[in-house]
Amino acid sequence: MNLDLVFEPFWDYRIIKCEYDSLNSIATLFIQNPESYVNHEIRFSHVSLYLFLQNWDNKFLYDSFNELSSISFGREFIESKNIKQKWLKQYSLDFNVVIEIIRSTLLIKAETVDVDGIRYNLEEL
C-alpha cells in the first residue's frame, strides 16, 4: 500500500489536537477537513522517537491555524556527531515519518499508523 496515496487527501487539513503518550508509546493527531468539518484520527503506535521542532527561525510564533502541510514516509536519520554529551550519542535519531505543520516539523519513528481505525505497517518502508 502506498501511504502517500492514503495521506494525500489530508493535506491542508486543520490539526485540532496533537497528543503524545510517552508511557504507552502512542502519538495521535486529530485532524479536520476545513470545508466539511469531518474529523479524522491518525494514531502512531510503538513510537520510539517523537521530536517536535517549533518554528524554523528559532523565534516562537503562534499559528492560529495549524495545517497539515505535508507528510512523508521513509527512513531518515540525524547524525549525532556534534553532540558533546557522550551519553546522548547512544540514542538513535532515526525516524520514518516527517509531518510539516506550517512553520513546524514533527519527526516520528513508529512501527504502525492507524488512519480512522485502518492499520498500516511502517516497518516495511
PDB file of N, CA and C in Angstrom:
ATOM      1  N   MET A   1       0.846  -1.186   0.000  1.00  0.00           N
ATOM      2  CA  MET A   1       0.000   0.000   0.000  1.00  0.00           C
ATOM      3  C   MET A   1       0.888   1.244   0.000  1.00  0.00           C
ATOM      4  N   ASN A   2       0.596   2.168  -0.878  1.00  0.00           N
ATOM      5  CA  ASN A   2       1.323   3.433  -0.951  1.00  0.00           C
ATOM      6  C   ASN A   2       0.713   4.416   0.052  1.00  0.00           C
ATOM      7  N   LEU A   3       1.441   4.683   1.130  1.00  0.00           N
ATOM      8  CA  LEU A   3       0.918   5.567   2.179  1.00  0.00           C
ATOM      9  C   LEU A   3       0.743   7.002   1.701  1.00  0.00           C
ATOM     10  N   ASP A   4       1.518   7.414   0.719  1.00  0.00           N
ATOM     11  CA  ASP A   4       1.341   8.768   0.190  1.00  0.00           C
ATOM     12  C   ASP A   4      -0.073   8.947  -0.352  1.00  0.00           C
ATOM     13  N   LEU A   5      -0.618   7.920  -0.983  1.00  0.00           N
ATOM     14  CA  LEU A   5      -1.983   7.993  -1.510  1.00  0.00           C
ATOM     15  C   LEU A   5      -3.015   8.024  -0.388  1.00  0.00           C
ATOM     16  N   VAL A   6      -2.728   7.330   0.711  1.00  0.00           N
ATOM     17  CA  VAL A   6      -3.642   7.326   1.863  1.00  0.00           C
ATOM     18  C   VAL A   6      -3.705   8.715   2.494  1.00  0.00           C
ATOM     19  N   PHE A   7      -2.550   9.381   2.606  1.00  0.00           N
ATOM     20  CA  PHE A   7      -2.478  10.658   3.320  1.00  0.00           C
ATOM     21  C   PHE A   7      -2.676  11.885   2.437  1.00  0.00           C
ATOM     22  N   GLU A   8      -2.582  11.740   1.145  1.00  0.00           N
ATOM     23  CA  GLU A   8      -2.715  12.894   0.250  1.00  0.00           C
ATOM     24  C   GLU A   8      -4.004  13.695   0.459  1.00  0.00           C
ATOM     25  N   PRO A   9      -5.158  13.051   0.675  1.00  0.00           N
ATOM     26  CA  PRO A   9      -6.382  13.834   0.897  1.00  0.00           C
ATOM     27  C   PRO A   9      -6.351  14.702   2.158  1.00  0.00           C
ATOM     28  N   PHE A  10      -5.446  14.405   3.102  1.00  0.00           N
ATOM     29  CA  PHE A  10      -5.400  15.129   4.372  1.00  0.00           C
ATOM     30  C   PHE A  10      -4.543  16.390   4.332  1.00  0.00           C
ATOM     31  N   TRP A  11      -3.841  16.627   3.255  1.00  0.00           N
ATOM     32  CA  TRP A  11      -3.034  17.844   3.160  1.00  0.00           C
ATOM     33  C   TRP A  11      -3.953  19.057   3.257  1.00  0.00           C
ATOM     34  N   ASP A  12      -3.525  20.047   3.961  1.00  0.00           N
ATOM     35  CA  ASP A  12      -4.271  21.285   4.217  1.00  0.00           C
ATOM     36  C   ASP A  12      -5.397  21.106   5.233  1.00  0.00           C
ATOM     37  N   TYR A  13      -5.507  19.931   5.844  1.00  0.00           N
ATOM     38  CA  TYR A  13      -6.495  19.751   6.899  1.00  0.00           C
ATOM     39  C   TYR A  13      -6.005  20.458   8.161  1.00  0.00           C
ATOM     40  N   ARG A  14      -6.936  20.867   8.967  1.00  0.00           N
ATOM     41  CA  ARG A  14      -6.616  21.541  10.222  1.00  0.00           C
ATOM     42  C   ARG A  14      -6.286  20.503  11.292  1.00  0.00           C
ATOM     43  N   ILE A  15      -5.219  20.739  12.029  1.00  0.00           N
ATOM     44  CA  ILE A  15      -4.869  19.862  13.148  1.00  0.00           C
ATOM     45  C   ILE A  15      -5.558  20.409  14.392  1.00  0.00           C
ATOM     46  N   ILE A  16      -6.526  19.671  14.882  1.00  0.00           N
ATOM     47  CA  ILE A  16      -7.318  20.080  16.040  1.00  0.00           C
ATOM     48  C   ILE A  16      -6.540  19.858  17.334  1.00  0.00           C
ATOM     49  N   LYS A  17      -5.885  18.683  17.410  1.00  0.00           N
ATOM     50  CA  LYS A  17      -5.151  18.343  18.625  1.00  0.00           C
ATOM     51  C   LYS A  17      -4.040  17.368  18.268  1.00  0.00           C
ATOM     52  N   CYS A  18      -2.952  17.480  18.998  1.00  0.00           N
ATOM     53  CA  CYS A  18      -1.809  16.593  18.830  1.00  0.00           C
ATOM     54  C   CYS A  18      -1.450  16.070  20.221  1.00  0.00           C
ATOM     55  N   GLU A  19      -1.497  14.748  20.405  1.00  0.00           N
ATOM     56  CA  GLU A  19      -1.221  14.154  21.711  1.00  0.00           C
ATOM     57  C   GLU A  19      -0.063  13.173  21.609  1.00  0.00           C
ATOM     58  N   TYR A  20       0.764  13.147  22.651  1.00  0.00           N
ATOM     59  CA  TYR A  20       1.828  12.156  22.730  1.00  0.00           C
ATOM     60  C   TYR A  20       1.788  11.511  24.105  1.00  0.00           C
ATOM     61  N   ASP A  21       1.561  10.219  24.125  1.00  0.00           N
ATOM     62  CA  ASP A  21       1.524   9.437  25.358  1.00  0.00           C
ATOM     63  C   ASP A  21       2.824   8.639  25.431  1.00  0.00           C
ATOM     64  N   SER A  22       3.813   9.178  26.130  1.00  0.00           N
ATOM     65  CA  SER A  22       5.134   8.543  26.175  1.00  0.00           C
ATOM     66  C   SER A  22       5.120   7.221  26.936  1.00  0.00           C
ATOM     67  N   LEU A  23       4.238   7.072  27.903  1.00  0.00           N
ATOM     68  CA  LEU A  23       4.189   5.829  28.676  1.00  0.00           C
ATOM     69  C   LEU A  23       3.673   4.658  27.848  1.00  0.00           C
ATOM     70  N   ASN A  24       2.794   4.942  26.896  1.00  0.00           N
ATOM     71  CA  ASN A  24       2.238   3.889  26.047  1.00  0.00           C
ATOM     72  C   ASN A  24       2.780   3.933  24.619  1.00  0.00           C
ATOM     73  N   SER A  25       3.697   4.853  24.356  1.00  0.00           N
ATOM     74  CA  SER A  25       4.345   4.984  23.043  1.00  0.00           C
ATOM     75  C   SER A  25       3.345   5.182  21.910  1.00  0.00           C
ATOM     76  N   ILE A  26       2.432   6.144  22.118  1.00  0.00           N
ATOM     77  CA  ILE A  26       1.398   6.438  21.127  1.00  0.00           C
ATOM     78  C   ILE A  26       1.380   7.940  20.853  1.00  0.00           C
ATOM     79  N   ALA A  27       1.349   8.295  19.576  1.00  0.00           N
ATOM     80  CA  ALA A  27       1.198   9.694  19.159  1.00  0.00           C
ATOM     81  C   ALA A  27      -0.053   9.781  18.294  1.00  0.00           C
ATOM     82  N   THR A  28      -0.913  10.750  18.593  1.00  0.00           N
ATOM     83  CA  THR A  28      -2.181  10.863  17.882  1.00  0.00           C
ATOM     84  C   THR A  28      -2.384  12.279  17.367  1.00  0.00           C
ATOM     85  N   LEU A  29      -2.809  12.360  16.113  1.00  0.00           N
ATOM     86  CA  LEU A  29      -3.213  13.634  15.516  1.00  0.00           C
ATOM     87  C   LEU A  29      -4.706  13.575  15.249  1.00  0.00           C
ATOM     88  N   PHE A  30      -5.418  14.580  15.691  1.00  0.00           N
ATOM     89  CA  PHE A  30      -6.834  14.719  15.386  1.00  0.00           C
ATOM     90  C   PHE A  30      -6.935  15.836  14.360  1.00  0.00           C
ATOM     91  N   ILE A  31      -7.412  15.501  13.165  1.00  0.00           N
ATOM     92  CA  ILE A  31      -7.450  16.482  12.084  1.00  0.00           C
ATOM     93  C   ILE A  31      -8.879  16.677  11.598  1.00  0.00           C
ATOM     94  N   GLN A  32      -9.097  17.810  10.917  1.00  0.00           N
ATOM     95  CA  GLN A  32     -10.440  18.157  10.457  1.00  0.00           C
ATOM     96  C   GLN A  32     -10.376  18.776   9.070  1.00  0.00           C
ATOM     97  N   ASN A  33     -11.284  18.338   8.217  1.00  0.00           N
ATOM     98  CA  ASN A  33     -11.427  18.946   6.901  1.00  0.00           C
ATOM     99  C   ASN A  33     -11.944  20.368   7.096  1.00  0.00           C
ATOM    100  N   PRO A  34     -11.231  21.390   6.605  1.00  0.00           N
ATOM    101  CA  PRO A  34     -11.650  22.773   6.849  1.00  0.00           C
ATOM    102  C   PRO A  34     -12.926  23.179   6.115  1.00  0.00           C
ATOM    103  N   GLU A  35     -13.342  22.393   5.128  1.00  0.00           N
ATOM    104  CA  GLU A  35     -14.560  22.726   4.380  1.00  0.00           C
ATOM    105  C   GLU A  35     -15.781  21.968   4.890  1.00  0.00           C
ATOM    106  N   SER A  36     -15.634  20.656   5.119  1.00  0.00           N
ATOM    107  CA  SER A  36     -16.784  19.846   5.541  1.00  0.00           C
ATOM    108  C   SER A  36     -16.843  19.634   7.054  1.00  0.00           C
ATOM    109  N   TYR A  37     -15.754  19.976   7.765  1.00  0.00           N
ATOM    110  CA  TYR A  37     -15.640  19.792   9.215  1.00  0.00           C
ATOM    111  C   TYR A  37     -15.695  18.323   9.646  1.00  0.00           C
ATOM    112  N   VAL A  38     -15.406  17.411   8.723  1.00  0.00           N
ATOM    113  CA  VAL A  38     -15.329  15.989   9.052  1.00  0.00           C
ATOM    114  C   VAL A  38     -13.998  15.736   9.760  1.00  0.00           C
ATOM    115  N   ASN A  39     -14.055  15.011  10.885  1.00  0.00           N
ATOM    116  CA  ASN A  39     -12.866  14.727  11.690  1.00  0.00           C
ATOM    117  C   ASN A  39     -12.259  13.371  11.340  1.00  0.00           C
ATOM    118  N   HIS A  40     -10.936  13.276  11.511  1.00  0.00           N
ATOM    119  CA  HIS A  40     -10.199  12.036  11.291  1.00  0.00           C
ATOM    120  C   HIS A  40      -9.173  11.885  12.406  1.00  0.00           C
ATOM    121  N   GLU A  41      -8.796  10.631  12.664  1.00  0.00           N
ATOM    122  CA  GLU A  41      -7.787  10.348  13.684  1.00  0.00           C
ATOM    123  C   GLU A  41      -6.633   9.578  13.054  1.00  0.00           C
ATOM    124  N   ILE A  42      -5.423  10.071  13.297  1.00  0.00           N
ATOM    125  CA  ILE A  42      -4.199   9.408  12.847  1.00  0.00           C
ATOM    126  C   ILE A  42      -3.423   9.033  14.102  1.00  0.00           C
ATOM    127  N   ARG A  43      -3.220   7.722  14.299  1.00  0.00           N
ATOM    128  CA  ARG A  43      -2.578   7.246  15.532  1.00  0.00           C
ATOM    129  C   ARG A  43      -1.335   6.423  15.194  1.00  0.00           C
ATOM    130  N   PHE A  44      -0.203   6.885  15.690  1.00  0.00           N
ATOM    131  CA  PHE A  44       1.064   6.177  15.520  1.00  0.00           C
ATOM    132  C   PHE A  44       1.316   5.337  16.769  1.00  0.00           C
ATOM    133  N   SER A  45       1.668   4.064  16.572  1.00  0.00           N
ATOM    134  CA  SER A  45       1.898   3.155  17.701  1.00  0.00           C
ATOM    135  C   SER A  45       3.333   2.650  17.714  1.00  0.00           C
ATOM    136  N   HIS A  46       3.764   2.244  18.906  1.00  0.00           N
ATOM    137  CA  HIS A  46       5.141   1.781  19.125  1.00  0.00           C
ATOM    138  C   HIS A  46       6.112   2.881  18.702  1.00  0.00           C
ATOM    139  N   VAL A  47       5.870   4.073  19.229  1.00  0.00           N
ATOM    140  CA  VAL A  47       6.677   5.253  18.899  1.00  0.00           C
ATOM    141  C   VAL A  47       7.957   5.235  19.734  1.00  0.00           C
ATOM    142  N   SER A  48       9.091   5.286  19.063  1.00  0.00           N
ATOM    143  CA  SER A  48      10.374   5.332  19.774  1.00  0.00           C
ATOM    144  C   SER A  48      11.073   6.680  19.611  1.00  0.00           C
ATOM    145  N   LEU A  49      10.566   7.526  18.720  1.00  0.00           N
ATOM    146  CA  LEU A  49      11.094   8.889  18.584  1.00  0.00           C
ATOM    147  C   LEU A  49       9.932   9.824  18.278  1.00  0.00           C
ATOM    148  N   TYR A  50       9.852  10.921  19.021  1.00  0.00           N
ATOM    149  CA  TYR A  50       8.836  11.951  18.809  1.00  0.00           C
ATOM    150  C   TYR A  50       9.535  13.275  19.053  1.00  0.00           C
ATOM    151  N   LEU A  51       9.809  13.989  17.991  1.00  0.00           N
ATOM    152  CA  LEU A  51      10.561  15.236  18.096  1.00  0.00           C
ATOM    153  C   LEU A  51       9.802  16.331  17.361  1.00  0.00           C
ATOM    154  N   PHE A  52       9.349  17.335  18.112  1.00  0.00           N
ATOM    155  CA  PHE A  52       8.597  18.446  17.533  1.00  0.00           C
ATOM    156  C   PHE A  52       9.508  19.659  17.456  1.00  0.00           C
ATOM    157  N   LEU A  53       9.746  20.135  16.257  1.00  0.00           N
ATOM    158  CA  LEU A  53      10.592  21.300  16.023  1.00  0.00           C
ATOM    159  C   LEU A  53       9.685  22.489  15.742  1.00  0.00           C
ATOM    160  N   GLN A  54       9.632  23.422  16.665  1.00  0.00           N
ATOM    161  CA  GLN A  54       8.728  24.568  16.592  1.00  0.00           C
ATOM    162  C   GLN A  54       9.406  25.726  15.878  1.00  0.00           C
ATOM    163  N   ASN A  55       8.882  26.135  14.765  1.00  0.00           N
ATOM    164  CA  ASN A  55       9.357  27.305  14.006  1.00  0.00           C
ATOM    165  C   ASN A  55      10.796  27.149  13.546  1.00  0.00           C
ATOM    166  N   TRP A  56      11.022  27.318  12.280  1.00  0.00           N
ATOM    167  CA  TRP A  56      12.354  27.095  11.711  1.00  0.00           C
ATOM    168  C   TRP A  56      13.334  28.227  11.948  1.00  0.00           C
ATOM    169  N   ASP A  57      12.881  29.372  12.397  1.00  0.00           N
ATOM    170  CA  ASP A  57      13.790  30.517  12.559  1.00  0.00           C
ATOM    171  C   ASP A  57      14.153  30.803  14.018  1.00  0.00           C
ATOM    172  N   ASN A  58      13.914  29.854  14.911  1.00  0.00           N
ATOM    173  CA  ASN A  58      14.247  29.977  16.337  1.00  0.00           C
ATOM    174  C   ASN A  58      13.505  31.094  17.057  1.00  0.00           C
ATOM    175  N   LYS A  59      12.438  31.569  16.484  1.00  0.00           N
ATOM    176  CA  LYS A  59      11.576  32.547  17.152  1.00  0.00           C
ATOM    177  C   LYS A  59      10.221  31.890  17.344  1.00  0.00           C
ATOM    178  N   PHE A  60       9.677  32.021  18.535  1.00  0.00           N
ATOM    179  CA  PHE A  60       8.374  31.411  18.772  1.00  0.00           C
ATOM    180  C   PHE A  60       7.285  32.275  18.163  1.00  0.00           C
ATOM    181  N   LEU A  61       6.529  31.667  17.292  1.00  0.00           N
ATOM    182  CA  LEU A  61       5.375  32.321  16.691  1.00  0.00           C
ATOM    183  C   LEU A  61       4.180  31.401  16.878  1.00  0.00           C
ATOM    184  N   TYR A  62       3.067  31.965  17.228  1.00  0.00           N
ATOM    185  CA  TYR A  62       1.863  31.174  17.423  1.00  0.00           C
ATOM    186  C   TYR A  62       1.076  31.155  16.124  1.00  0.00           C
ATOM    187  N   ASP A  63       0.778  29.961  15.639  1.00  0.00           N
ATOM    188  CA  ASP A  63      -0.055  29.811  14.449  1.00  0.00           C
ATOM    189  C   ASP A  63      -1.472  29.499  14.899  1.00  0.00           C
ATOM    190  N   SER A  64      -2.413  30.329  14.536  1.00  0.00           N
ATOM    191  CA  SER A  64      -3.795  30.119  14.960  1.00  0.00           C
ATOM    192  C   SER A  64      -4.471  29.006  14.157  1.00  0.00           C
ATOM    193  N   PHE A  65      -3.922  28.684  12.996  1.00  0.00           N
ATOM    194  CA  PHE A  65      -4.481  27.619  12.166  1.00  0.00           C
ATOM    195  C   PHE A  65      -3.356  26.645  11.856  1.00  0.00           C
ATOM    196  N   ASN A  66      -3.304  25.547  12.593  1.00  0.00           N
ATOM    197  CA  ASN A  66      -2.259  24.548  12.387  1.00  0.00           C
ATOM    198  C   ASN A  66      -2.689  23.583  11.296  1.00  0.00           C
ATOM    199  N   GLU A  67      -2.063  23.723  10.155  1.00  0.00           N
ATOM    200  CA  GLU A  67      -2.434  22.978   8.965  1.00  0.00           C
ATOM    201  C   GLU A  67      -1.445  21.851   8.707  1.00  0.00           C
ATOM    202  N   LEU A  68      -1.957  20.703   8.323  1.00  0.00           N
ATOM    203  CA  LEU A  68      -1.116  19.588   7.916  1.00  0.00           C
ATOM    204  C   LEU A  68      -0.601  19.908   6.517  1.00  0.00           C
ATOM    205  N   SER A  69       0.584  20.510   6.455  1.00  0.00           N
ATOM    206  CA  SER A  69       1.125  20.989   5.181  1.00  0.00           C
ATOM    207  C   SER A  69       1.630  19.858   4.305  1.00  0.00           C
ATOM    208  N   SER A  70       2.320  18.891   4.900  1.00  0.00           N
ATOM    209  CA  SER A  70       2.784  17.727   4.138  1.00  0.00           C
ATOM    210  C   SER A  70       3.153  16.612   5.104  1.00  0.00           C
ATOM    211  N   ILE A  71       3.195  15.411   4.569  1.00  0.00           N
ATOM    212  CA  ILE A  71       3.626  14.251   5.343  1.00  0.00           C
ATOM    213  C   ILE A  71       4.383  13.335   4.391  1.00  0.00           C
ATOM    214  N   SER A  72       5.507  12.827   4.867  1.00  0.00           N
ATOM    215  CA  SER A  72       6.276  11.907   4.032  1.00  0.00           C
ATOM    216  C   SER A  72       6.762  10.741   4.879  1.00  0.00           C
ATOM    217  N   PHE A  73       7.000   9.633   4.203  1.00  0.00           N
ATOM    218  CA  PHE A  73       7.387   8.393   4.863  1.00  0.00           C
ATOM    219  C   PHE A  73       8.693   7.885   4.268  1.00  0.00           C
ATOM    220  N   GLY A  74       9.495   7.264   5.089  1.00  0.00           N
ATOM    221  CA  GLY A  74      10.763   6.701   4.651  1.00  0.00           C
ATOM    222  C   GLY A  74      11.795   6.901   5.736  1.00  0.00           C
ATOM    223  N   ARG A  75      12.744   6.025   5.779  1.00  0.00           N
ATOM    224  CA  ARG A  75      13.747   6.057   6.845  1.00  0.00           C
ATOM    225  C   ARG A  75      14.724   7.203   6.637  1.00  0.00           C
ATOM    226  N   GLU A  76      14.896   8.023   7.655  1.00  0.00           N
ATOM    227  CA  GLU A  76      15.826   9.153   7.663  1.00  0.00           C
ATOM    228  C   GLU A  76      16.555   9.142   9.004  1.00  0.00           C
ATOM    229  N   PHE A  77      17.639   9.880   9.101  1.00  0.00           N
ATOM    230  CA  PHE A  77      18.332   9.980  10.383  1.00  0.00           C
ATOM    231  C   PHE A  77      19.063  11.312  10.481  1.00  0.00           C
ATOM    232  N   ILE A  78      19.301  11.718  11.724  1.00  0.00           N
ATOM    233  CA  ILE A  78      20.070  12.919  12.030  1.00  0.00           C
ATOM    234  C   ILE A  78      21.377  12.448  12.655  1.00  0.00           C
ATOM    235  N   GLU A  79      22.482  12.884  12.104  1.00  0.00           N
ATOM    236  CA  GLU A  79      23.778  12.478  12.651  1.00  0.00           C
ATOM    237  C   GLU A  79      24.003  13.145  14.002  1.00  0.00           C
ATOM    238  N   SER A  80      24.555  12.379  14.927  1.00  0.00           N
ATOM    239  CA  SER A  80      24.777  12.891  16.282  1.00  0.00           C
ATOM    240  C   SER A  80      26.242  13.221  16.539  1.00  0.00           C
ATOM    241  N   LYS A  81      27.028  13.418  15.495  1.00  0.00           N
ATOM    242  CA  LYS A  81      28.466  13.643  15.682  1.00  0.00           C
ATOM    243  C   LYS A  81      28.783  14.951  16.408  1.00  0.00           C
ATOM    244  N   ASN A  82      27.890  15.922  16.369  1.00  0.00           N
ATOM    245  CA  ASN A  82      28.134  17.204  17.037  1.00  0.00           C
ATOM    246  C   ASN A  82      27.628  17.248  18.474  1.00  0.00           C
ATOM    247  N   ILE A  83      27.038  16.173  18.936  1.00  0.00           N
ATOM    248  CA  ILE A  83      26.554  16.117  20.316  1.00  0.00           C
ATOM    249  C   ILE A  83      27.746  15.920  21.240  1.00  0.00           C
ATOM    250  N   LYS A  84      27.884  16.801  22.218  1.00  0.00           N
ATOM    251  CA  LYS A  84      29.040  16.765  23.118  1.00  0.00           C
ATOM    252  C   LYS A  84      28.879  15.755  24.248  1.00  0.00           C
ATOM    253  N   GLN A  85      27.671  15.593  24.738  1.00  0.00           N
ATOM    254  CA  GLN A  85      27.432  14.667  25.845  1.00  0.00           C
ATOM    255  C   GLN A  85      27.497  13.227  25.328  1.00  0.00           C
ATOM    256  N   LYS A  86      28.459  12.472  25.793  1.00  0.00           N
ATOM    257  CA  LYS A  86      28.656  11.106  25.299  1.00  0.00           C
ATOM    258  C   LYS A  86      27.435  10.224  25.536  1.00  0.00           C
ATOM    259  N   TRP A  87      26.788  10.391  26.669  1.00  0.00           N
ATOM    260  CA  TRP A  87      25.646   9.540  26.980  1.00  0.00           C
ATOM    261  C   TRP A  87      24.489   9.768  26.010  1.00  0.00           C
ATOM    262  N   LEU A  88      24.405  10.952  25.400  1.00  0.00           N
ATOM    263  CA  LEU A  88      23.339  11.225  24.435  1.00  0.00           C
ATOM    264  C   LEU A  88      23.557  10.508  23.105  1.00  0.00           C
ATOM    265  N   LYS A  89      24.795  10.208  22.783  1.00  0.00           N
ATOM    266  CA  LYS A  89      25.105   9.578  21.498  1.00  0.00           C
ATOM    267  C   LYS A  89      24.541   8.169  21.372  1.00  0.00           C
ATOM    268  N   GLN A  90      24.185   7.554  22.490  1.00  0.00           N
ATOM    269  CA  GLN A  90      23.635   6.201  22.432  1.00  0.00           C
ATOM    270  C   GLN A  90      22.195   6.174  21.921  1.00  0.00           C
ATOM    271  N   TYR A  91      21.548   7.330  21.896  1.00  0.00           N
ATOM    272  CA  TYR A  91      20.158   7.394  21.460  1.00  0.00           C
ATOM    273  C   TYR A  91      20.084   7.590  19.957  1.00  0.00           C
ATOM    274  N   SER A  92      19.204   6.833  19.351  1.00  0.00           N
ATOM    275  CA  SER A  92      19.024   6.882  17.910  1.00  0.00           C
ATOM    276  C   SER A  92      18.192   8.101  17.517  1.00  0.00           C
ATOM    277  N   LEU A  93      18.620   8.778  16.495  1.00  0.00           N
ATOM    278  CA  LEU A  93      17.862   9.910  15.965  1.00  0.00           C
ATOM    279  C   LEU A  93      17.366   9.582  14.558  1.00  0.00           C
ATOM    280  N   ASP A  94      16.916   8.340  14.368  1.00  0.00           N
ATOM    281  CA  ASP A  94      16.345   7.988  13.075  1.00  0.00           C
ATOM    282  C   ASP A  94      14.828   7.998  13.181  1.00  0.00           C
ATOM    283  N   PHE A  95      14.184   8.297  12.077  1.00  0.00           N
ATOM    284  CA  PHE A  95      12.733   8.439  12.052  1.00  0.00           C
ATOM    285  C   PHE A  95      12.218   7.967  10.703  1.00  0.00           C
ATOM    286  N   ASN A  96      10.905   7.668  10.637  1.00  0.00           N
ATOM    287  CA  ASN A  96      10.318   7.215   9.381  1.00  0.00           C
ATOM    288  C   ASN A  96       9.072   7.993   8.975  1.00  0.00           C
ATOM    289  N   VAL A  97       8.741   9.039   9.724  1.00  0.00           N
ATOM    290  CA  VAL A  97       7.613   9.906   9.382  1.00  0.00           C
ATOM    291  C   VAL A  97       8.036  11.356   9.598  1.00  0.00           C
ATOM    292  N   VAL A  98       7.769  12.200   8.606  1.00  0.00           N
ATOM    293  CA  VAL A  98       8.022  13.638   8.716  1.00  0.00           C
ATOM    294  C   VAL A  98       6.710  14.346   8.423  1.00  0.00           C
ATOM    295  N   ILE A  99       6.243  15.138   9.392  1.00  0.00           N
ATOM    296  CA  ILE A  99       4.989  15.880   9.229  1.00  0.00           C
ATOM    297  C   ILE A  99       5.302  17.363   9.312  1.00  0.00           C
ATOM    298  N   GLU A 100       4.960  18.074   8.255  1.00  0.00           N
ATOM    299  CA  GLU A 100       5.159  19.525   8.228  1.00  0.00           C
ATOM    300  C   GLU A 100       3.857  20.198   8.644  1.00  0.00           C
ATOM    301  N   ILE A 101       3.964  21.090   9.628  1.00  0.00           N
ATOM    302  CA  ILE A 101       2.807  21.815  10.159  1.00  0.00           C
ATOM    303  C   ILE A 101       3.150  23.297  10.100  1.00  0.00           C
ATOM    304  N   ILE A 102       2.714  23.978   9.047  1.00  0.00           N
ATOM    305  CA  ILE A 102       3.033  25.387   8.821  1.00  0.00           C
ATOM    306  C   ILE A 102       4.539  25.600   8.957  1.00  0.00           C
ATOM    307  N   ARG A 103       4.998  26.263  10.016  1.00  0.00           N
ATOM    308  CA  ARG A 103       6.425  26.545  10.217  1.00  0.00           C
ATOM    309  C   ARG A 103       7.108  25.528  11.131  1.00  0.00           C
ATOM    310  N   SER A 104       6.447  24.447  11.437  1.00  0.00           N
ATOM    311  CA  SER A 104       6.989  23.455  12.366  1.00  0.00           C
ATOM    312  C   SER A 104       7.091  22.094  11.687  1.00  0.00           C
ATOM    313  N   THR A 105       7.859  21.216  12.318  1.00  0.00           N
ATOM    314  CA  THR A 105       8.029  19.865  11.791  1.00  0.00           C
ATOM    315  C   THR A 105       7.953  18.867  12.939  1.00  0.00           C
ATOM    316  N   LEU A 106       7.267  17.777  12.692  1.00  0.00           N
ATOM    317  CA  LEU A 106       7.156  16.687  13.651  1.00  0.00           C
ATOM    318  C   LEU A 106       7.844  15.464  13.054  1.00  0.00           C
ATOM    319  N   LEU A 107       8.852  14.949  13.760  1.00  0.00           N
ATOM    320  CA  LEU A 107       9.576  13.754  13.334  1.00  0.00           C
ATOM    321  C   LEU A 107       9.156  12.601  14.242  1.00  0.00           C
ATOM    322  N   ILE A 108       8.791  11.482  13.636  1.00  0.00           N
ATOM    323  CA  ILE A 108       8.303  10.330  14.396  1.00  0.00           C
ATOM    324  C   ILE A 108       8.962   9.063  13.865  1.00  0.00           C
ATOM    325  N   LYS A 109       9.307   8.177  14.780  1.00  0.00           N
ATOM    326  CA  LYS A 109       9.664   6.814  14.397  1.00  0.00           C
ATOM    327  C   LYS A 109       8.635   5.916  15.058  1.00  0.00           C
ATOM    328  N   ALA A 110       7.880   5.196  14.239  1.00  0.00           N
ATOM    329  CA  ALA A 110       6.818   4.336  14.741  1.00  0.00           C
ATOM    330  C   ALA A 110       6.770   3.049  13.924  1.00  0.00           C
ATOM    331  N   GLU A 111       6.166   2.025  14.512  1.00  0.00           N
ATOM    332  CA  GLU A 111       6.018   0.755  13.803  1.00  0.00           C
ATOM    333  C   GLU A 111       4.759   0.720  12.957  1.00  0.00           C
ATOM    334  N   THR A 112       3.672   1.330  13.462  1.00  0.00           N
ATOM    335  CA  THR A 112       2.412   1.305  12.718  1.00  0.00           C
ATOM    336  C   THR A 112       1.727   2.663  12.795  1.00  0.00           C
ATOM    337  N   VAL A 113       0.806   2.882  11.861  1.00  0.00           N
ATOM    338  CA  VAL A 113      -0.057   4.056  11.892  1.00  0.00           C
ATOM    339  C   VAL A 113      -1.474   3.589  11.575  1.00  0.00           C
ATOM    340  N   ASP A 114      -2.431   4.052  12.375  1.00  0.00           N
ATOM    341  CA  ASP A 114      -3.845   3.773  12.130  1.00  0.00           C
ATOM    342  C   ASP A 114      -4.495   5.055  11.636  1.00  0.00           C
ATOM    343  N   VAL A 115      -5.190   4.957  10.520  1.00  0.00           N
ATOM    344  CA  VAL A 115      -5.924   6.094   9.964  1.00  0.00           C
ATOM    345  C   VAL A 115      -7.400   5.744  10.042  1.00  0.00           C
ATOM    346  N   ASP A 116      -8.108   6.407  10.929  1.00  0.00           N
ATOM    347  CA  ASP A 116      -9.526   6.119  11.166  1.00  0.00           C
ATOM    348  C   ASP A 116      -9.761   4.623  11.391  1.00  0.00           C
ATOM    349  N   GLY A 117      -8.851   4.005  12.162  1.00  0.00           N
ATOM    350  CA  GLY A 117      -9.008   2.605  12.533  1.00  0.00           C
ATOM    351  C   GLY A 117      -8.401   1.599  11.571  1.00  0.00           C
ATOM    352  N   ILE A 118      -7.898   2.030  10.433  1.00  0.00           N
ATOM    353  CA  ILE A 118      -7.262   1.122   9.473  1.00  0.00           C
ATOM    354  C   ILE A 118      -5.754   1.174   9.694  1.00  0.00           C
ATOM    355  N   ARG A 119      -5.153   0.010   9.955  1.00  0.00           N
ATOM    356  CA  ARG A 119      -3.733  -0.059  10.328  1.00  0.00           C
ATOM    357  C   ARG A 119      -2.834  -0.267   9.109  1.00  0.00           C
ATOM    358  N   TYR A 120      -1.707   0.472   9.142  1.00  0.00           N
ATOM    359  CA  TYR A 120      -0.671   0.349   8.119  1.00  0.00           C
ATOM    360  C   TYR A 120       0.659   0.125   8.829  1.00  0.00           C
ATOM    361  N   ASN A 121       1.476  -0.767   8.279  1.00  0.00           N
ATOM    362  CA  ASN A 121       2.766  -1.102   8.863  1.00  0.00           C
ATOM    363  C   ASN A 121       3.834  -0.169   8.312  1.00  0.00           C
ATOM    364  N   LEU A 122       4.522   0.545   9.200  1.00  0.00           N
ATOM    365  CA  LEU A 122       5.584   1.462   8.781  1.00  0.00           C
ATOM    366  C   LEU A 122       6.943   0.780   8.743  1.00  0.00           C
ATOM    367  N   GLU A 123       7.051  -0.393   9.325  1.00  0.00           N
ATOM    368  CA  GLU A 123       8.320  -1.112   9.356  1.00  0.00           C
ATOM    369  C   GLU A 123       8.737  -1.583   7.966  1.00  0.00           C
ATOM    370  N   GLU A 124       7.785  -1.722   7.062  1.00  0.00           N
ATOM    371  CA  GLU A 124       8.074  -2.218   5.719  1.00  0.00           C
ATOM    372  C   GLU A 124       8.578  -1.130   4.780  1.00  0.00           C
ATOM    373  N   LEU A 125       8.626   0.100   5.236  1.00  0.00           N
ATOM    374  CA  LEU A 125       9.054   1.201   4.367  1.00  0.00           C
ATOM    375  C   LEU A 125      10.546   1.169   4.134  1.00  0.00           C
TER     376      LEU A 125
END
